[in-house]
Amino acid sequence: MDLEIQQRIIDLTEKYGASNVVVMLGGAEAEASGIAAETVTNGDPTFAGPLAGVPLGLAVYHIVEPEVKEAVDPGVYDEQVGMMEMVLDVDAISKEVKKYRDQYSKYTA
């Protein structure tokens, strides 16, 4: 997660409150999605960005997780995510993001 996005997340959290912010990920790899999930929940693990040492505890989901898919209009989901869902390792991504959400998130969507 680049430094600009990290700062934007801080700004949105300050503006709306952490309990009102849900981070939606869309990365193609489980490991990268896990690092992004850890960053917005427990702080930047690379200690390189504005979220270094900042455990926001935000709710975080990946677009291919079942909870998200069920909450989105099926036609829109199919149009916007369907092709991506077919080529990604949905189980690995979901497991990785859920691991950080369960361990560090203070809020739920």
PDB file of N, CA and C in Angstrom:
ATOM      1  N   MET A   1       0.855  -1.167   0.000  1.00  0.00           N
ATOM      2  CA  MET A   1       0.000   0.000   0.000  1.00  0.00           C
ATOM      3  C   MET A   1       0.902   1.232   0.000  1.00  0.00           C
ATOM      4  N   ASP A   2       0.721   2.077  -1.009  1.00  0.00           N
ATOM      5  CA  ASP A   2       1.642   3.209  -1.127  1.00  0.00           C
ATOM      6  C   ASP A   2       1.375   4.274  -0.057  1.00  0.00           C
ATOM      7  N   LEU A   3       2.334   5.170   0.087  1.00  0.00           N
ATOM      8  CA  LEU A   3       2.298   6.169   1.155  1.00  0.00           C
ATOM      9  C   LEU A   3       1.127   7.131   1.019  1.00  0.00           C
ATOM     10  N   GLU A   4       0.782   7.471  -0.208  1.00  0.00           N
ATOM     11  CA  GLU A   4      -0.339   8.383  -0.444  1.00  0.00           C
ATOM     12  C   GLU A   4      -1.660   7.763   0.016  1.00  0.00           C
ATOM     13  N   ILE A   5      -1.857   6.497  -0.278  1.00  0.00           N
ATOM     14  CA  ILE A   5      -3.078   5.799   0.148  1.00  0.00           C
ATOM     15  C   ILE A   5      -3.113   5.698   1.671  1.00  0.00           C
ATOM     16  N   GLN A   6      -1.978   5.392   2.280  1.00  0.00           N
ATOM     17  CA  GLN A   6      -1.934   5.328   3.734  1.00  0.00           C
ATOM     18  C   GLN A   6      -2.357   6.663   4.356  1.00  0.00           C
ATOM     19  N   GLN A   7      -1.858   7.755   3.815  1.00  0.00           N
ATOM     20  CA  GLN A   7      -2.216   9.067   4.345  1.00  0.00           C
ATOM     21  C   GLN A   7      -3.697   9.359   4.130  1.00  0.00           C
ATOM     22  N   ARG A   8      -4.210   8.963   2.997  1.00  0.00           N
ATOM     23  CA  ARG A   8      -5.641   9.173   2.726  1.00  0.00           C
ATOM     24  C   ARG A   8      -6.506   8.398   3.729  1.00  0.00           C
ATOM     25  N   ILE A   9      -6.089   7.185   4.065  1.00  0.00           N
ATOM     26  CA  ILE A   9      -6.822   6.394   5.055  1.00  0.00           C
ATOM     27  C   ILE A   9      -6.789   7.081   6.417  1.00  0.00           C
ATOM     28  N   ILE A  10      -5.649   7.609   6.800  1.00  0.00           N
ATOM     29  CA  ILE A  10      -5.565   8.365   8.053  1.00  0.00           C
ATOM     30  C   ILE A  10      -6.516   9.550   8.019  1.00  0.00           C
ATOM     31  N   ASP A  11      -6.495  10.312   6.933  1.00  0.00           N
ATOM     32  CA  ASP A  11      -7.351  11.497   6.808  1.00  0.00           C
ATOM     33  C   ASP A  11      -8.831  11.133   6.886  1.00  0.00           C
ATOM     34  N   LEU A  12      -9.240  10.073   6.191  1.00  0.00           N
ATOM     35  CA  LEU A  12     -10.641   9.644   6.217  1.00  0.00           C
ATOM     36  C   LEU A  12     -11.046   9.148   7.598  1.00  0.00           C
ATOM     37  N   THR A  13     -10.137   8.456   8.262  1.00  0.00           N
ATOM     38  CA  THR A  13     -10.415   7.962   9.607  1.00  0.00           C
ATOM     39  C   THR A  13     -10.579   9.127  10.583  1.00  0.00           C
ATOM     40  N   GLU A  14      -9.740  10.128  10.451  1.00  0.00           N
ATOM     41  CA  GLU A  14      -9.865  11.315  11.308  1.00  0.00           C
ATOM     42  C   GLU A  14     -11.159  12.073  11.018  1.00  0.00           C
ATOM     43  N   LYS A  15     -11.532  12.143   9.763  1.00  0.00           N
ATOM     44  CA  LYS A  15     -12.729  12.887   9.366  1.00  0.00           C
ATOM     45  C   LYS A  15     -14.019  12.180   9.769  1.00  0.00           C
ATOM     46  N   TYR A  16     -14.099  10.868   9.540  1.00  0.00           N
ATOM     47  CA  TYR A  16     -15.344  10.127   9.741  1.00  0.00           C
ATOM     48  C   TYR A  16     -15.351   9.221  10.976  1.00  0.00           C
ATOM     49  N   GLY A  17     -14.210   8.987  11.569  1.00  0.00           N
ATOM     50  CA  GLY A  17     -14.110   8.076  12.706  1.00  0.00           C
ATOM     51  C   GLY A  17     -13.842   6.661  12.244  1.00  0.00           C
ATOM     52  N   ALA A  18     -12.979   5.973  12.964  1.00  0.00           N
ATOM     53  CA  ALA A  18     -12.559   4.620  12.561  1.00  0.00           C
ATOM     54  C   ALA A  18     -13.729   3.647  12.460  1.00  0.00           C
ATOM     55  N   SER A  19     -14.740   3.824  13.287  1.00  0.00           N
ATOM     56  CA  SER A  19     -15.874   2.900  13.251  1.00  0.00           C
ATOM     57  C   SER A  19     -16.732   3.081  12.002  1.00  0.00           C
ATOM     58  N   ASN A  20     -16.517   4.167  11.273  1.00  0.00           N
ATOM     59  CA  ASN A  20     -17.289   4.459  10.060  1.00  0.00           C
ATOM     60  C   ASN A  20     -16.500   4.243   8.772  1.00  0.00           C
ATOM     61  N   VAL A  21     -15.312   3.668   8.872  1.00  0.00           N
ATOM     62  CA  VAL A  21     -14.464   3.445   7.698  1.00  0.00           C
ATOM     63  C   VAL A  21     -14.308   1.945   7.471  1.00  0.00           C
ATOM     64  N   VAL A  22     -14.599   1.509   6.254  1.00  0.00           N
ATOM     65  CA  VAL A  22     -14.380   0.124   5.848  1.00  0.00           C
ATOM     66  C   VAL A  22     -13.428   0.164   4.659  1.00  0.00           C
ATOM     67  N   VAL A  23     -12.344  -0.584   4.746  1.00  0.00           N
ATOM     68  CA  VAL A  23     -11.368  -0.630   3.669  1.00  0.00           C
ATOM     69  C   VAL A  23     -11.674  -1.833   2.788  1.00  0.00           C
ATOM     70  N   MET A  24     -11.828  -1.575   1.493  1.00  0.00           N
ATOM     71  CA  MET A  24     -12.103  -2.623   0.521  1.00  0.00           C
ATOM     72  C   MET A  24     -10.853  -2.818  -0.336  1.00  0.00           C
ATOM     73  N   LEU A  25     -10.301  -4.012  -0.279  1.00  0.00           N
ATOM     74  CA  LEU A  25      -9.094  -4.335  -1.044  1.00  0.00           C
ATOM     75  C   LEU A  25      -9.458  -5.004  -2.357  1.00  0.00           C
ATOM     76  N   GLY A  26      -8.528  -4.955  -3.309  1.00  0.00           N
ATOM     77  CA  GLY A  26      -8.760  -5.588  -4.594  1.00  0.00           C
ATOM     78  C   GLY A  26      -7.504  -6.190  -5.187  1.00  0.00           C
ATOM     79  N   GLY A  27      -6.480  -6.384  -4.365  1.00  0.00           N
ATOM     80  CA  GLY A  27      -5.216  -6.934  -4.844  1.00  0.00           C
ATOM     81  C   GLY A  27      -5.366  -8.341  -5.399  1.00  0.00           C
ATOM     82  N   ALA A  28      -4.482  -8.696  -6.316  1.00  0.00           N
ATOM     83  CA  ALA A  28      -4.574  -9.979  -7.009  1.00  0.00           C
ATOM     84  C   ALA A  28      -3.869 -11.123  -6.293  1.00  0.00           C
ATOM     85  N   GLU A  29      -3.087 -10.826  -5.261  1.00  0.00           N
ATOM     86  CA  GLU A  29      -2.333 -11.866  -4.576  1.00  0.00           C
ATOM     87  C   GLU A  29      -2.657 -11.877  -3.092  1.00  0.00           C
ATOM     88  N   ALA A  30      -2.682 -13.061  -2.516  1.00  0.00           N
ATOM     89  CA  ALA A  30      -3.005 -13.209  -1.100  1.00  0.00           C
ATOM     90  C   ALA A  30      -2.006 -12.472  -0.207  1.00  0.00           C
ATOM     91  N   GLU A  31      -0.726 -12.623  -0.482  1.00  0.00           N
ATOM     92  CA  GLU A  31       0.294 -12.007   0.366  1.00  0.00           C
ATOM     93  C   GLU A  31       0.183 -10.479   0.358  1.00  0.00           C
ATOM     94  N   ALA A  32       0.020  -9.899  -0.824  1.00  0.00           N
ATOM     95  CA  ALA A  32      -0.111  -8.437  -0.919  1.00  0.00           C
ATOM     96  C   ALA A  32      -1.384  -7.957  -0.229  1.00  0.00           C
ATOM     97  N   SER A  33      -2.458  -8.711  -0.374  1.00  0.00           N
ATOM     98  CA  SER A  33      -3.713  -8.354   0.282  1.00  0.00           C
ATOM     99  C   SER A  33      -3.568  -8.454   1.793  1.00  0.00           C
ATOM    100  N   GLY A  34      -2.836  -9.438   2.261  1.00  0.00           N
ATOM    101  CA  GLY A  34      -2.590  -9.583   3.686  1.00  0.00           C
ATOM    102  C   GLY A  34      -1.784  -8.424   4.249  1.00  0.00           C
ATOM    103  N   ILE A  35      -0.773  -7.995   3.524  1.00  0.00           N
ATOM    104  CA  ILE A  35       0.035  -6.858   3.969  1.00  0.00           C
ATOM    105  C   ILE A  35      -0.825  -5.593   4.033  1.00  0.00           C
ATOM    106  N   ALA A  36      -1.674  -5.399   3.045  1.00  0.00           N
ATOM    107  CA  ALA A  36      -2.567  -4.228   3.057  1.00  0.00           C
ATOM    108  C   ALA A  36      -3.547  -4.320   4.224  1.00  0.00           C
ATOM    109  N   ALA A  37      -4.089  -5.512   4.479  1.00  0.00           N
ATOM    110  CA  ALA A  37      -5.013  -5.699   5.602  1.00  0.00           C
ATOM    111  C   ALA A  37      -4.307  -5.437   6.924  1.00  0.00           C
ATOM    112  N   GLU A  38      -3.090  -5.930   7.054  1.00  0.00           N
ATOM    113  CA  GLU A  38      -2.330  -5.680   8.281  1.00  0.00           C
ATOM    114  C   GLU A  38      -2.056  -4.188   8.453  1.00  0.00           C
ATOM    115  N   THR A  39      -1.760  -3.510   7.359  1.00  0.00           N
ATOM    116  CA  THR A  39      -1.447  -2.090   7.413  1.00  0.00           C
ATOM    117  C   THR A  39      -2.603  -1.267   7.974  1.00  0.00           C
ATOM    118  N   VAL A  40      -3.830  -1.547   7.545  1.00  0.00           N
ATOM    119  CA  VAL A  40      -4.975  -0.736   7.994  1.00  0.00           C
ATOM    120  C   VAL A  40      -5.558  -1.213   9.321  1.00  0.00           C
ATOM    121  N   THR A  41      -5.093  -2.352   9.801  1.00  0.00           N
ATOM    122  CA  THR A  41      -5.588  -2.841  11.086  1.00  0.00           C
ATOM    123  C   THR A  41      -4.554  -2.656  12.193  1.00  0.00           C
ATOM    124  N   ASN A  42      -3.317  -3.089  11.940  1.00  0.00           N
ATOM    125  CA  ASN A  42      -2.290  -3.098  12.976  1.00  0.00           C
ATOM    126  C   ASN A  42      -1.150  -2.119  12.721  1.00  0.00           C
ATOM    127  N   GLY A  43      -1.134  -1.485  11.570  1.00  0.00           N
ATOM    128  CA  GLY A  43      -0.059  -0.558  11.223  1.00  0.00           C
ATOM    129  C   GLY A  43       0.827  -1.139  10.133  1.00  0.00           C
ATOM    130  N   ASP A  44       1.515  -0.275   9.442  1.00  0.00           N
ATOM    131  CA  ASP A  44       2.374  -0.673   8.321  1.00  0.00           C
ATOM    132  C   ASP A  44       3.509  -1.578   8.805  1.00  0.00           C
ATOM    133  N   PRO A  45       3.503  -2.854   8.386  1.00  0.00           N
ATOM    134  CA  PRO A  45       4.541  -3.780   8.860  1.00  0.00           C
ATOM    135  C   PRO A  45       5.933  -3.473   8.311  1.00  0.00           C
ATOM    136  N   THR A  46       6.002  -2.650   7.268  1.00  0.00           N
ATOM    137  CA  THR A  46       7.308  -2.289   6.707  1.00  0.00           C
ATOM    138  C   THR A  46       7.891  -1.063   7.409  1.00  0.00           C
ATOM    139  N   PHE A  47       7.109  -0.416   8.237  1.00  0.00           N
ATOM    140  CA  PHE A  47       7.502   0.799   8.948  1.00  0.00           C
ATOM    141  C   PHE A  47       8.013   1.875   8.001  1.00  0.00           C
ATOM    142  N   ALA A  48       7.404   1.949   6.813  1.00  0.00           N
ATOM    143  CA  ALA A  48       7.844   2.907   5.806  1.00  0.00           C
ATOM    144  C   ALA A  48       6.840   4.032   5.570  1.00  0.00           C
ATOM    145  N   GLY A  49       5.612   3.847   5.972  1.00  0.00           N
ATOM    146  CA  GLY A  49       4.591   4.825   5.625  1.00  0.00           C
ATOM    147  C   GLY A  49       3.967   5.500   6.830  1.00  0.00           C
ATOM    148  N   PRO A  50       2.995   6.367   6.563  1.00  0.00           N
ATOM    149  CA  PRO A  50       2.316   7.101   7.622  1.00  0.00           C
ATOM    150  C   PRO A  50       1.606   6.196   8.637  1.00  0.00           C
ATOM    151  N   LEU A  51       1.280   4.972   8.252  1.00  0.00           N
ATOM    152  CA  LEU A  51       0.601   4.058   9.173  1.00  0.00           C
ATOM    153  C   LEU A  51       1.578   3.190   9.978  1.00  0.00           C
ATOM    154  N   ALA A  52       2.873   3.456   9.867  1.00  0.00           N
ATOM    155  CA  ALA A  52       3.866   2.714  10.652  1.00  0.00           C
ATOM    156  C   ALA A  52       3.587   2.944  12.138  1.00  0.00           C
ATOM    157  N   GLY A  53       3.336   1.850  12.859  1.00  0.00           N
ATOM    158  CA  GLY A  53       3.077   1.964  14.286  1.00  0.00           C
ATOM    159  C   GLY A  53       1.725   2.565  14.638  1.00  0.00           C
ATOM    160  N   VAL A  54       0.817   2.628  13.661  1.00  0.00           N
ATOM    161  CA  VAL A  54      -0.515   3.213  13.878  1.00  0.00           C
ATOM    162  C   VAL A  54      -1.569   2.112  13.710  1.00  0.00           C
ATOM    163  N   PRO A  55      -1.980   1.476  14.801  1.00  0.00           N
ATOM    164  CA  PRO A  55      -2.978   0.411  14.713  1.00  0.00           C
ATOM    165  C   PRO A  55      -4.406   0.968  14.676  1.00  0.00           C
ATOM    166  N   LEU A  56      -4.908   1.242  13.489  1.00  0.00           N
ATOM    167  CA  LEU A  56      -6.241   1.838  13.348  1.00  0.00           C
ATOM    168  C   LEU A  56      -7.366   0.849  13.652  1.00  0.00           C
ATOM    169  N   GLY A  57      -7.125  -0.441  13.480  1.00  0.00           N
ATOM    170  CA  GLY A  57      -8.146  -1.444  13.762  1.00  0.00           C
ATOM    171  C   GLY A  57      -9.342  -1.394  12.826  1.00  0.00           C
ATOM    172  N   LEU A  58      -9.155  -0.869  11.618  1.00  0.00           N
ATOM    173  CA  LEU A  58     -10.262  -0.693  10.688  1.00  0.00           C
ATOM    174  C   LEU A  58     -10.843  -2.019  10.207  1.00  0.00           C
ATOM    175  N   ALA A  59     -12.105  -1.983   9.847  1.00  0.00           N
ATOM    176  CA  ALA A  59     -12.733  -3.126   9.181  1.00  0.00           C
ATOM    177  C   ALA A  59     -12.126  -3.209   7.782  1.00  0.00           C
ATOM    178  N   VAL A  60     -11.728  -4.395   7.378  1.00  0.00           N
ATOM    179  CA  VAL A  60     -11.087  -4.564   6.076  1.00  0.00           C
ATOM    180  C   VAL A  60     -11.579  -5.850   5.429  1.00  0.00           C
ATOM    181  N   TYR A  61     -11.890  -5.752   4.146  1.00  0.00           N
ATOM    182  CA  TYR A  61     -12.386  -6.884   3.372  1.00  0.00           C
ATOM    183  C   TYR A  61     -11.757  -6.840   1.990  1.00  0.00           C
ATOM    184  N   HIS A  62     -11.704  -7.987   1.347  1.00  0.00           N
ATOM    185  CA  HIS A  62     -11.307  -8.052  -0.060  1.00  0.00           C
ATOM    186  C   HIS A  62     -12.578  -8.219  -0.880  1.00  0.00           C
ATOM    187  N   ILE A  63     -12.606  -7.646  -2.042  1.00  0.00           N
ATOM    188  CA  ILE A  63     -13.802  -7.650  -2.889  1.00  0.00           C
ATOM    189  C   ILE A  63     -14.284  -9.058  -3.229  1.00  0.00           C
ATOM    190  N   VAL A  64     -13.387 -10.056  -3.195  1.00  0.00           N
ATOM    191  CA  VAL A  64     -13.814 -11.419  -3.543  1.00  0.00           C
ATOM    192  C   VAL A  64     -14.292 -12.242  -2.344  1.00  0.00           C
ATOM    193  N   GLU A  65     -14.283 -11.673  -1.148  1.00  0.00           N
ATOM    194  CA  GLU A  65     -14.745 -12.420   0.021  1.00  0.00           C
ATOM    195  C   GLU A  65     -16.262 -12.628  -0.051  1.00  0.00           C
ATOM    196  N   PRO A  66     -16.722 -13.771   0.432  1.00  0.00           N
ATOM    197  CA  PRO A  66     -18.156 -14.085   0.359  1.00  0.00           C
ATOM    198  C   PRO A  66     -19.055 -13.019   0.990  1.00  0.00           C
ATOM    199  N   GLU A  67     -18.610 -12.427   2.110  1.00  0.00           N
ATOM    200  CA  GLU A  67     -19.413 -11.399   2.783  1.00  0.00           C
ATOM    201  C   GLU A  67     -19.678 -10.211   1.866  1.00  0.00           C
ATOM    202  N   VAL A  68     -18.681  -9.865   1.092  1.00  0.00           N
ATOM    203  CA  VAL A  68     -18.804  -8.725   0.176  1.00  0.00           C
ATOM    204  C   VAL A  68     -19.673  -9.110  -1.015  1.00  0.00           C
ATOM    205  N   LYS A  69     -19.392 -10.265  -1.573  1.00  0.00           N
ATOM    206  CA  LYS A  69     -20.150 -10.719  -2.740  1.00  0.00           C
ATOM    207  C   LYS A  69     -21.647 -10.768  -2.443  1.00  0.00           C
ATOM    208  N   GLU A  70     -22.004 -11.233  -1.255  1.00  0.00           N
ATOM    209  CA  GLU A  70     -23.407 -11.329  -0.868  1.00  0.00           C
ATOM    210  C   GLU A  70     -24.059  -9.962  -0.687  1.00  0.00           C
ATOM    211  N   ALA A  71     -23.256  -8.957  -0.369  1.00  0.00           N
ATOM    212  CA  ALA A  71     -23.794  -7.617  -0.093  1.00  0.00           C
ATOM    213  C   ALA A  71     -23.935  -6.743  -1.341  1.00  0.00           C
ATOM    214  N   VAL A  72     -23.395  -7.202  -2.457  1.00  0.00           N
ATOM    215  CA  VAL A  72     -23.386  -6.408  -3.686  1.00  0.00           C
ATOM    216  C   VAL A  72     -24.417  -6.957  -4.669  1.00  0.00           C
ATOM    217  N   ASP A  73     -25.033  -6.061  -5.412  1.00  0.00           N
ATOM    218  CA  ASP A  73     -25.971  -6.459  -6.459  1.00  0.00           C
ATOM    219  C   ASP A  73     -25.274  -7.470  -7.373  1.00  0.00           C
ATOM    220  N   PRO A  74     -25.882  -8.638  -7.591  1.00  0.00           N
ATOM    221  CA  PRO A  74     -25.233  -9.690  -8.387  1.00  0.00           C
ATOM    222  C   PRO A  74     -24.819  -9.240  -9.792  1.00  0.00           C
ATOM    223  N   GLY A  75     -25.635  -8.451 -10.448  1.00  0.00           N
ATOM    224  CA  GLY A  75     -25.291  -7.981 -11.787  1.00  0.00           C
ATOM    225  C   GLY A  75     -24.077  -7.073 -11.785  1.00  0.00           C
ATOM    226  N   VAL A  76     -24.030  -6.173 -10.824  1.00  0.00           N
ATOM    227  CA  VAL A  76     -22.889  -5.257 -10.708  1.00  0.00           C
ATOM    228  C   VAL A  76     -21.630  -6.038 -10.340  1.00  0.00           C
ATOM    229  N   TYR A  77     -21.764  -6.953  -9.396  1.00  0.00           N
ATOM    230  CA  TYR A  77     -20.605  -7.752  -8.980  1.00  0.00           C
ATOM    231  C   TYR A  77     -20.057  -8.540 -10.168  1.00  0.00           C
ATOM    232  N   ASP A  78     -20.942  -9.181 -10.892  1.00  0.00           N
ATOM    233  CA  ASP A  78     -20.527  -9.986 -12.050  1.00  0.00           C
ATOM    234  C   ASP A  78     -19.815  -9.119 -13.090  1.00  0.00           C
ATOM    235  N   GLU A  79     -20.363  -7.956 -13.347  1.00  0.00           N
ATOM    236  CA  GLU A  79     -19.786  -7.045 -14.345  1.00  0.00           C
ATOM    237  C   GLU A  79     -18.429  -6.505 -13.914  1.00  0.00           C
ATOM    238  N   GLN A  80     -18.303  -6.161 -12.650  1.00  0.00           N
ATOM    239  CA  GLN A  80     -17.091  -5.497 -12.169  1.00  0.00           C
ATOM    240  C   GLN A  80     -16.020  -6.447 -11.619  1.00  0.00           C
ATOM    241  N   VAL A  81     -16.430  -7.595 -11.101  1.00  0.00           N
ATOM    242  CA  VAL A  81     -15.487  -8.476 -10.415  1.00  0.00           C
ATOM    243  C   VAL A  81     -15.454  -9.883 -10.997  1.00  0.00           C
ATOM    244  N   GLY A  82     -16.484 -10.276 -11.700  1.00  0.00           N
ATOM    245  CA  GLY A  82     -16.629 -11.647 -12.171  1.00  0.00           C
ATOM    246  C   GLY A  82     -15.411 -12.230 -12.849  1.00  0.00           C
ATOM    247  N   MET A  83     -14.837 -11.526 -13.798  1.00  0.00           N
ATOM    248  CA  MET A  83     -13.663 -12.048 -14.515  1.00  0.00           C
ATOM    249  C   MET A  83     -12.470 -12.199 -13.575  1.00  0.00           C
ATOM    250  N   MET A  84     -12.287 -11.221 -12.709  1.00  0.00           N
ATOM    251  CA  MET A  84     -11.170 -11.257 -11.771  1.00  0.00           C
ATOM    252  C   MET A  84     -11.330 -12.446 -10.824  1.00  0.00           C
ATOM    253  N   GLU A  85     -12.550 -12.657 -10.364  1.00  0.00           N
ATOM    254  CA  GLU A  85     -12.829 -13.734  -9.424  1.00  0.00           C
ATOM    255  C   GLU A  85     -12.476 -15.097 -10.021  1.00  0.00           C
ATOM    256  N   MET A  86     -12.641 -15.252 -11.331  1.00  0.00           N
ATOM    257  CA  MET A  86     -12.366 -16.531 -11.985  1.00  0.00           C
ATOM    258  C   MET A  86     -10.881 -16.863 -12.046  1.00  0.00           C
ATOM    259  N   VAL A  87     -10.017 -15.873 -12.017  1.00  0.00           N
ATOM    260  CA  VAL A  87      -8.583 -16.136 -12.176  1.00  0.00           C
ATOM    261  C   VAL A  87      -7.784 -16.004 -10.881  1.00  0.00           C
ATOM    262  N   LEU A  88      -8.401 -15.489  -9.832  1.00  0.00           N
ATOM    263  CA  LEU A  88      -7.696 -15.327  -8.568  1.00  0.00           C
ATOM    264  C   LEU A  88      -7.881 -16.542  -7.664  1.00  0.00           C
ATOM    265  N   ASP A  89      -6.969 -16.698  -6.732  1.00  0.00           N
ATOM    266  CA  ASP A  89      -7.104 -17.732  -5.705  1.00  0.00           C
ATOM    267  C   ASP A  89      -7.946 -17.128  -4.582  1.00  0.00           C
ATOM    268  N   VAL A  90      -9.259 -17.169  -4.774  1.00  0.00           N
ATOM    269  CA  VAL A  90     -10.208 -16.527  -3.863  1.00  0.00           C
ATOM    270  C   VAL A  90     -10.053 -17.063  -2.442  1.00  0.00           C
ATOM    271  N   ASP A  91      -9.894 -18.361  -2.293  1.00  0.00           N
ATOM    272  CA  ASP A  91      -9.776 -18.949  -0.957  1.00  0.00           C
ATOM    273  C   ASP A  91      -8.539 -18.439  -0.222  1.00  0.00           C
ATOM    274  N   ALA A  92      -7.415 -18.397  -0.911  1.00  0.00           N
ATOM    275  CA  ALA A  92      -6.174 -17.934  -0.278  1.00  0.00           C
ATOM    276  C   ALA A  92      -6.262 -16.457   0.093  1.00  0.00           C
ATOM    277  N   ILE A  93      -6.811 -15.648  -0.806  1.00  0.00           N
ATOM    278  CA  ILE A  93      -6.958 -14.218  -0.534  1.00  0.00           C
ATOM    279  C   ILE A  93      -7.895 -14.001   0.650  1.00  0.00           C
ATOM    280  N   SER A  94      -9.036 -14.657   0.624  1.00  0.00           N
ATOM    281  CA  SER A  94     -10.019 -14.514   1.701  1.00  0.00           C
ATOM    282  C   SER A  94      -9.430 -14.933   3.042  1.00  0.00           C
ATOM    283  N   LYS A  95      -8.715 -16.043   3.054  1.00  0.00           N
ATOM    284  CA  LYS A  95      -8.112 -16.551   4.287  1.00  0.00           C
ATOM    285  C   LYS A  95      -7.091 -15.556   4.837  1.00  0.00           C
ATOM    286  N   GLU A  96      -6.286 -14.992   3.962  1.00  0.00           N
ATOM    287  CA  GLU A  96      -5.230 -14.067   4.385  1.00  0.00           C
ATOM    288  C   GLU A  96      -5.817 -12.773   4.952  1.00  0.00           C
ATOM    289  N   VAL A  97      -6.793 -12.195   4.290  1.00  0.00           N
ATOM    290  CA  VAL A  97      -7.401 -10.950   4.768  1.00  0.00           C
ATOM    291  C   VAL A  97      -8.162 -11.206   6.068  1.00  0.00           C
ATOM    292  N   LYS A  98      -8.881 -12.310   6.127  1.00  0.00           N
ATOM    293  CA  LYS A  98      -9.652 -12.652   7.330  1.00  0.00           C
ATOM    294  C   LYS A  98      -8.736 -12.827   8.533  1.00  0.00           C
ATOM    295  N   LYS A  99      -7.567 -13.391   8.309  1.00  0.00           N
ATOM    296  CA  LYS A  99      -6.605 -13.595   9.402  1.00  0.00           C
ATOM    297  C   LYS A  99      -6.292 -12.265  10.096  1.00  0.00           C
ATOM    298  N   TYR A 100      -6.013 -11.230   9.316  1.00  0.00           N
ATOM    299  CA  TYR A 100      -5.685  -9.930   9.906  1.00  0.00           C
ATOM    300  C   TYR A 100      -6.919  -9.235  10.455  1.00  0.00           C
ATOM    301  N   ARG A 101      -8.048  -9.389   9.774  1.00  0.00           N
ATOM    302  CA  ARG A 101      -9.293  -8.791  10.262  1.00  0.00           C
ATOM    303  C   ARG A 101      -9.651  -9.385  11.618  1.00  0.00           C
ATOM    304  N   ASP A 102      -9.587 -10.714  11.732  1.00  0.00           N
ATOM    305  CA  ASP A 102      -9.933 -11.377  12.989  1.00  0.00           C
ATOM    306  C   ASP A 102      -8.957 -11.018  14.107  1.00  0.00           C
ATOM    307  N   GLN A 103      -7.705 -10.852  13.764  1.00  0.00           N
ATOM    308  CA  GLN A 103      -6.690 -10.603  14.781  1.00  0.00           C
ATOM    309  C   GLN A 103      -6.635  -9.142  15.231  1.00  0.00           C
ATOM    310  N   TYR A 104      -6.827  -8.190  14.299  1.00  0.00           N
ATOM    311  CA  TYR A 104      -6.552  -6.795  14.630  1.00  0.00           C
ATOM    312  C   TYR A 104      -7.708  -5.816  14.463  1.00  0.00           C
ATOM    313  N   SER A 105      -8.742  -6.167  13.712  1.00  0.00           N
ATOM    314  CA  SER A 105      -9.836  -5.214  13.498  1.00  0.00           C
ATOM    315  C   SER A 105     -10.616  -5.003  14.786  1.00  0.00           C
ATOM    316  N   LYS A 106     -10.904  -3.756  15.060  1.00  0.00           N
ATOM    317  CA  LYS A 106     -11.719  -3.390  16.219  1.00  0.00           C
ATOM    318  C   LYS A 106     -13.177  -3.145  15.802  1.00  0.00           C
ATOM    319  N   TYR A 107     -13.390  -3.040  14.517  1.00  0.00           N
ATOM    320  CA  TYR A 107     -14.708  -2.668  13.995  1.00  0.00           C
ATOM    321  C   TYR A 107     -15.161  -3.697  12.959  1.00  0.00           C
ATOM    322  N   THR A 108     -16.473  -3.779  12.741  1.00  0.00           N
ATOM    323  CA  THR A 108     -17.003  -4.654  11.715  1.00  0.00           C
ATOM    324  C   THR A 108     -17.864  -3.835  10.771  1.00  0.00           C
ATOM    325  N   ALA A 109     -18.061  -4.353   9.595  1.00  0.00           N
ATOM    326  CA  ALA A 109     -18.858  -3.646   8.606  1.00  0.00           C
ATOM    327  C   ALA A 109     -20.315  -4.031   8.738  1.00  0.00           C
TER     328      ALA A 109
END
